[in-house]
Protein backbone atom coordinates (compact mmCIF):
# COMPACT_ATOMS: atom_id res chain seq x y z
CA MET A 1 -25.94 -7.00 12.54
CA ASP A 2 -26.31 -5.73 8.99
CA ILE A 3 -25.08 -2.29 10.09
CA LEU A 4 -22.12 -3.86 11.90
CA ILE A 5 -21.15 -6.18 9.04
CA TYR A 6 -21.64 -3.77 6.15
CA GLY A 7 -20.22 -0.90 8.20
CA THR A 8 -17.03 -2.89 8.63
CA ILE A 9 -16.92 -3.76 4.93
CA ASN A 10 -17.46 -0.13 3.94
CA SER A 11 -14.81 1.04 6.41
CA VAL A 12 -12.17 -1.35 5.05
CA THR A 13 -13.14 -0.23 1.54
CA LEU A 14 -12.53 3.41 2.46
CA ALA A 15 -9.20 2.49 4.07
CA LEU A 16 -8.12 0.79 0.84
CA TYR A 17 -9.14 3.88 -1.13
CA ALA A 18 -7.17 6.25 1.08
CA ILE A 19 -4.08 4.45 2.34
CA GLY A 20 -2.09 5.01 -0.87
CA PHE A 21 -2.93 8.73 -0.86
CA ALA A 22 -1.96 8.94 2.83
CA MET A 23 1.36 7.17 2.21
CA VAL A 24 2.42 9.49 -0.62
CA TYR A 25 1.56 12.60 1.39
CA GLY A 26 3.07 11.25 4.58
CA VAL A 27 6.44 10.54 2.98
CA SER A 28 6.87 13.34 0.45
CA ARG A 29 4.23 15.88 1.59
CA LEU A 30 2.83 15.64 -1.94
CA PRO A 31 -0.98 15.64 -2.35
CA ASN A 32 -1.43 13.19 -5.23
CA PHE A 33 -4.66 14.38 -6.83
CA ALA A 34 -4.14 11.85 -9.64
CA HIS A 35 -4.92 9.08 -7.14
CA GLY A 36 -8.45 8.46 -8.43
CA ALA A 37 -7.27 8.41 -12.04
CA LEU A 38 -4.65 5.77 -11.20
CA TYR A 39 -7.42 3.69 -9.61
CA VAL A 40 -9.36 3.72 -12.90
CA VAL A 41 -6.20 3.17 -14.98
CA SER A 42 -5.36 0.01 -13.05
CA GLY A 43 -8.88 -1.34 -13.61
CA PHE A 44 -8.65 -0.65 -17.34
CA ILE A 45 -5.19 -2.25 -17.57
CA THR A 46 -6.47 -5.37 -15.80
CA TRP A 47 -9.51 -5.52 -18.10
CA SER A 48 -7.32 -5.07 -21.19
CA PHE A 49 -4.91 -7.87 -20.25
CA LEU A 50 -7.80 -10.16 -19.36
CA HIS A 51 -10.21 -9.54 -22.26
CA LEU A 52 -8.10 -8.13 -25.09
CA LEU A 53 -4.90 -10.14 -24.66
CA GLY A 54 -6.36 -13.24 -23.02
CA VAL A 55 -3.92 -13.23 -20.11
CA ASN A 56 -4.69 -15.24 -16.98
CA TYR A 57 -6.72 -13.23 -14.41
CA LEU A 58 -4.13 -13.47 -11.61
CA LEU A 59 -1.30 -12.54 -13.98
CA SER A 60 -3.40 -9.66 -15.33
CA ILE A 61 -3.79 -8.31 -11.80
CA ILE A 62 -0.05 -8.60 -11.08
CA LEU A 63 0.85 -6.86 -14.35
CA ALA A 64 -1.70 -4.10 -13.63
CA LEU A 65 -0.23 -3.51 -10.16
CA ILE A 66 3.29 -3.25 -11.59
CA ALA A 67 2.20 -1.03 -14.51
CA THR A 68 0.28 1.34 -12.24
CA ALA A 69 3.25 1.61 -9.86
CA ILE A 70 5.51 2.49 -12.81
CA ILE A 71 3.02 5.07 -14.09
CA GLY A 72 2.85 6.70 -10.64
CA ALA A 73 6.65 6.77 -10.34
CA LEU A 74 6.98 8.30 -13.84
CA ILE A 75 4.39 10.97 -12.99
CA TYR A 76 6.54 12.04 -10.07
CA ARG A 77 9.87 11.69 -11.86
CA PHE A 78 8.97 13.75 -14.92
CA VAL A 79 6.29 16.16 -13.68
CA LEU A 80 5.76 16.51 -9.95
CA ILE A 81 9.44 16.64 -9.04
CA ARG A 82 9.61 19.98 -10.87
CA VAL A 83 6.96 21.59 -8.65
CA ARG A 84 7.74 19.83 -5.37
CA GLY A 85 7.61 22.21 -2.43
CA MET A 86 5.17 24.56 -4.20
CA GLU A 87 1.91 23.44 -2.60
CA ILE A 88 -0.55 25.03 -5.01
CA SER A 89 1.47 23.92 -8.05
CA GLU A 90 1.60 20.36 -6.71
CA ILE A 91 -2.18 20.24 -6.42
CA ILE A 92 -2.76 21.81 -9.83
CA ALA A 93 -0.20 19.59 -11.58
CA SER A 94 -1.37 16.30 -10.06
CA TYR A 95 -5.05 17.14 -10.55
CA ALA A 96 -4.39 18.17 -14.16
CA ILE A 97 -2.69 14.84 -14.83
CA GLY A 98 -5.60 12.94 -13.28
CA LEU A 99 -8.13 15.03 -15.19
CA ALA A 100 -6.29 14.44 -18.47
CA ILE A 101 -6.24 10.68 -17.87
CA LEU A 102 -9.91 10.39 -16.91
CA GLU A 103 -11.26 12.68 -19.60
CA GLY A 104 -8.94 11.01 -22.13
CA PHE A 105 -10.65 7.71 -21.31
CA ARG A 106 -14.05 9.36 -21.71
CA TRP A 107 -13.05 10.88 -25.06
CA GLY A 108 -11.79 7.48 -26.20
CA GLY A 109 -15.18 5.88 -25.56
CA PHE A 110 -14.37 4.37 -22.17
CA LYS A 111 -17.85 4.75 -20.69
CA GLY A 112 -21.03 2.83 -20.03
CA LEU A 113 -21.41 -0.58 -18.39
CA THR A 114 -19.21 -2.55 -20.81
CA TYR A 115 -16.09 -2.79 -18.68
CA THR A 116 -16.34 -5.17 -15.71
CA LEU A 117 -14.02 -7.49 -13.84
CA PRO A 118 -15.08 -10.93 -12.59
CA ALA A 119 -15.30 -11.63 -8.88
CA PHE A 120 -12.46 -13.64 -7.39
CA ILE A 121 -14.92 -16.02 -5.72
CA GLU A 122 -18.54 -16.28 -6.84
CA GLY A 123 -21.41 -16.78 -4.41
CA SER A 124 -22.34 -15.59 -0.95
CA THR A 125 -22.80 -16.81 2.60
CA GLU A 126 -24.73 -15.79 5.71
CA ILE A 127 -23.14 -14.26 8.80
CA ALA A 128 -25.52 -13.91 11.77
CA GLY A 129 -28.44 -14.01 9.34
CA VAL A 130 -26.97 -11.35 7.02
CA SER A 131 -26.14 -12.36 3.44
CA VAL A 132 -22.64 -11.32 2.39
CA ASP A 133 -20.94 -12.25 -0.87
CA TYR A 134 -17.50 -13.81 -0.80
CA GLN A 135 -15.86 -10.95 -2.72
CA ARG A 136 -16.68 -8.50 0.07
CA LEU A 137 -15.35 -10.90 2.70
CA LEU A 138 -12.18 -11.17 0.64
CA VAL A 139 -11.93 -7.37 0.58
CA VAL A 140 -12.05 -7.27 4.39
CA GLY A 141 -9.45 -10.02 4.75
CA ILE A 142 -7.01 -8.59 2.22
CA GLY A 143 -7.57 -5.04 3.51
CA ALA A 144 -6.65 -6.08 7.06
CA ALA A 145 -3.61 -7.94 5.73
CA VAL A 146 -2.47 -4.88 3.73
CA VAL A 147 -2.64 -2.63 6.79
CA GLY A 148 -0.68 -5.16 8.84
CA LEU A 149 1.95 -5.71 6.16
CA LEU A 150 2.32 -1.96 5.65
CA TRP A 151 2.95 -1.53 9.38
CA LEU A 152 5.62 -4.25 9.29
CA PHE A 153 7.14 -2.85 6.07
CA THR A 154 7.62 0.63 7.53
CA ARG A 155 9.27 -0.70 10.68
CA TYR A 156 11.39 -3.67 9.64
CA THR A 157 12.72 -2.88 6.16
CA ARG A 158 15.39 -0.39 5.09
CA ILE A 159 13.12 1.29 2.54
CA GLY A 160 10.26 1.46 5.03
CA LEU A 161 12.50 2.99 7.68
CA ALA A 162 13.79 5.51 5.13
CA MET A 163 10.18 6.43 4.36
CA ARG A 164 9.47 6.91 8.06
CA GLY A 165 12.56 9.05 8.38
CA MET A 166 11.45 11.21 5.46
CA ALA A 167 7.97 11.52 6.94
CA GLN A 168 9.29 12.59 10.35
CA ASP A 169 12.06 15.01 9.33
CA GLU A 170 13.20 15.35 5.72
CA ARG A 171 16.23 17.53 6.54
CA ALA A 172 17.52 15.08 9.12
CA ALA A 173 16.97 12.25 6.64
CA LEU A 174 19.00 14.13 4.03
CA MET A 175 21.83 14.62 6.53
CA LEU A 176 21.87 10.85 7.09
CA GLY A 177 22.33 10.20 3.38
CA ILE A 178 18.76 9.37 2.38
CA ASP A 179 17.96 10.50 -1.17
CA SER A 180 14.66 12.36 -0.73
CA ASP A 181 13.74 12.32 -4.43
CA LEU A 182 14.42 8.59 -4.73
CA ILE A 183 12.32 7.81 -1.66
CA ALA A 184 9.57 10.10 -2.99
CA VAL A 185 9.58 8.18 -6.29
CA VAL A 186 9.35 4.89 -4.40
CA ALA A 187 6.52 6.26 -2.22
CA MET A 188 4.63 7.48 -5.28
CA GLY A 189 5.02 4.12 -6.97
CA PHE A 190 4.01 2.26 -3.82
CA GLY A 191 1.00 4.54 -3.24
CA SER A 192 -0.08 4.06 -6.85
CA MET A 193 0.20 0.28 -6.41
CA LEU A 194 -2.03 0.51 -3.33
CA ALA A 195 -4.61 2.41 -5.40
CA ALA A 196 -4.37 -0.35 -8.02
CA LEU A 197 -4.82 -3.03 -5.37
CA ALA A 198 -7.98 -1.29 -4.16
CA ALA A 199 -9.22 -1.19 -7.75
CA VAL A 200 -8.72 -4.88 -8.53
CA LEU A 201 -10.39 -5.82 -5.23
CA LEU A 202 -13.37 -3.49 -5.45
CA LEU A 203 -14.12 -3.05 -9.15
CA PRO A 204 -15.53 -6.61 -9.42
CA LEU A 205 -18.35 -5.30 -7.21
CA GLY A 206 -19.36 -2.79 -9.90
CA ASN A 207 -18.30 -1.39 -13.26
CA ILE A 208 -15.14 0.39 -14.40
CA VAL A 209 -16.36 3.92 -15.12
CA VAL A 210 -14.61 7.28 -15.42
CA GLU A 211 -16.73 8.81 -12.65
CA ALA A 212 -15.22 6.34 -10.15
CA GLY A 213 -11.93 8.25 -10.37
CA TYR A 214 -13.49 11.45 -9.08
CA ASN A 215 -15.46 9.67 -6.35
CA ILE A 216 -12.43 7.75 -5.10
CA LEU A 217 -10.37 10.94 -4.94
CA ILE A 218 -13.03 12.72 -2.84
CA LEU A 219 -13.38 9.78 -0.45
CA ALA A 220 -9.60 9.40 -0.09
CA ILE A 221 -9.20 13.11 0.67
CA ALA A 222 -12.06 12.98 3.21
CA VAL A 223 -10.50 10.02 5.04
CA CYS A 224 -7.03 11.60 5.07
CA ILE A 225 -8.27 14.99 6.28
CA VAL A 226 -10.32 13.48 9.10
CA GLY A 227 -7.49 11.14 10.13
CA GLY A 228 -4.83 13.83 9.78
CA LEU A 229 -2.82 14.39 6.62
CA GLY A 230 0.34 12.34 6.77
CA SER A 231 -0.93 9.87 9.38
CA TRP A 232 -1.42 6.40 7.87
CA MET A 233 -3.03 4.86 10.96
CA GLY A 234 -5.14 7.98 11.40
CA ALA A 235 -6.50 7.33 7.91
CA VAL A 236 -7.51 3.80 8.95
CA LEU A 237 -9.37 5.07 12.03
CA ALA A 238 -11.04 7.82 10.01
CA ALA A 239 -12.11 5.22 7.43
CA PHE A 240 -14.04 3.39 10.16
CA LEU A 241 -15.66 6.60 11.44
CA ILE A 242 -16.79 7.70 7.98
CA GLY A 243 -17.59 4.14 6.89
CA PHE A 244 -20.06 3.51 9.72
CA ALA A 245 -21.50 7.03 9.35
CA GLN A 246 -22.19 6.31 5.68
CA ILE A 247 -23.91 3.00 6.43
CA LEU A 248 -26.10 4.60 9.10
CA THR A 249 -26.97 7.31 6.60
CA VAL A 250 -27.93 4.69 4.00
CA VAL A 251 -30.15 2.88 6.51
CA TYR A 252 -31.97 5.94 7.86
CA LEU A 253 -31.82 8.51 5.02
CA GLY A 254 -30.91 6.86 1.71
CA ALA A 255 -27.97 5.70 -0.40
CA HIS A 256 -27.69 9.00 -2.29
CA TYR A 257 -26.51 10.77 0.92
CA GLN A 258 -23.30 8.72 1.21
CA MET A 259 -21.11 11.27 -0.55
CA VAL A 260 -22.69 14.08 1.50
CA VAL A 261 -21.37 12.37 4.65
CA ALA A 262 -17.81 12.47 3.26
CA LEU A 263 -18.10 16.14 2.31
CA LEU A 264 -19.58 17.05 5.71
CA ALA A 265 -16.72 15.19 7.39
CA ILE A 266 -14.22 17.35 5.48
CA ILE A 267 -16.00 20.59 6.36
CA LEU A 268 -16.50 19.79 10.06
CA THR A 269 -12.91 18.60 10.48
CA LEU A 270 -11.50 21.75 8.88
CA ILE A 271 -13.68 23.89 11.16
CA LEU A 272 -13.23 22.04 14.46
CA ARG A 273 -9.80 20.40 14.15
CA PRO A 274 -7.92 21.40 10.99
CA SER A 275 -5.05 19.00 11.67
CA GLY A 276 -7.37 15.98 11.86
CA LEU A 277 -7.50 13.28 14.54
CA PHE A 278 -3.80 12.41 14.51
CA GLY A 279 -2.24 15.34 12.64
CA GLN A 280 0.00 17.73 14.55
CA GLN A 281 1.18 20.17 11.90
CA LYS A 282 -1.41 22.88 12.61
CA GLU A 283 -0.88 22.76 16.38
CA LEU A 284 2.90 23.02 15.97
CA GLU A 285 2.51 26.01 13.68
CA GLU A 286 0.24 27.71 16.19
CA ARG A 287 2.71 27.07 19.05
CA VAL A 288 5.57 28.56 17.04
């Protein structure tokens, strides 16, 4: 039962890490390598509002979500839009921005165990004899709700349908009057907000540290590659595959092998099925 319960929690955690990255790539075909940095930025913004300005915790979270979305949209509007369509330049530019943010925090003294966020609900309970704290249960509940709301958003709202149109065929979307750059800005802001949501949910379980930005980026990339780049639901399924594999590794080998599982997942997927579980781009290229 502990493998089942904590495997589910870890899988939902990975889905929260990756779904923003998957959305940005799915809509604009832009690999946002600043994703992990935005995760850390949102945690620091929340901490600053809460501890430095004395703002209410819930309001601090809302302001951090909005601020991170604006930062993500500005990154696209003023930097990434200039290199869009040049794959290598997109990766270099977004990673350079993320690196500058994270190392800027480190240079400014943002390190150690000083920066923490309080749990939403203190305490724990037992499920089938397994002790689970309320914060992790909240992560599972909100994570499931986010996936469901995202599905509804992309199918029953004008912006969501425009995003789906962009993801399926950008040229056809342009012919129908959809502004690709505007939708890409919205997707970048929305993906950044999803990274911020993951941060405010999961950072209370640990500390806000610079290294988290690099780890989150690697895990998000692993989930998206296994699920298929551009497939949002593929990312959710891949999160469960990698999540349970990591928990089994912790139980039978040790906690320090968790990141190895993610890296092995990337390597094996690229060797055996480069397009991932639900990706079709590679197969289409090979048919052509």
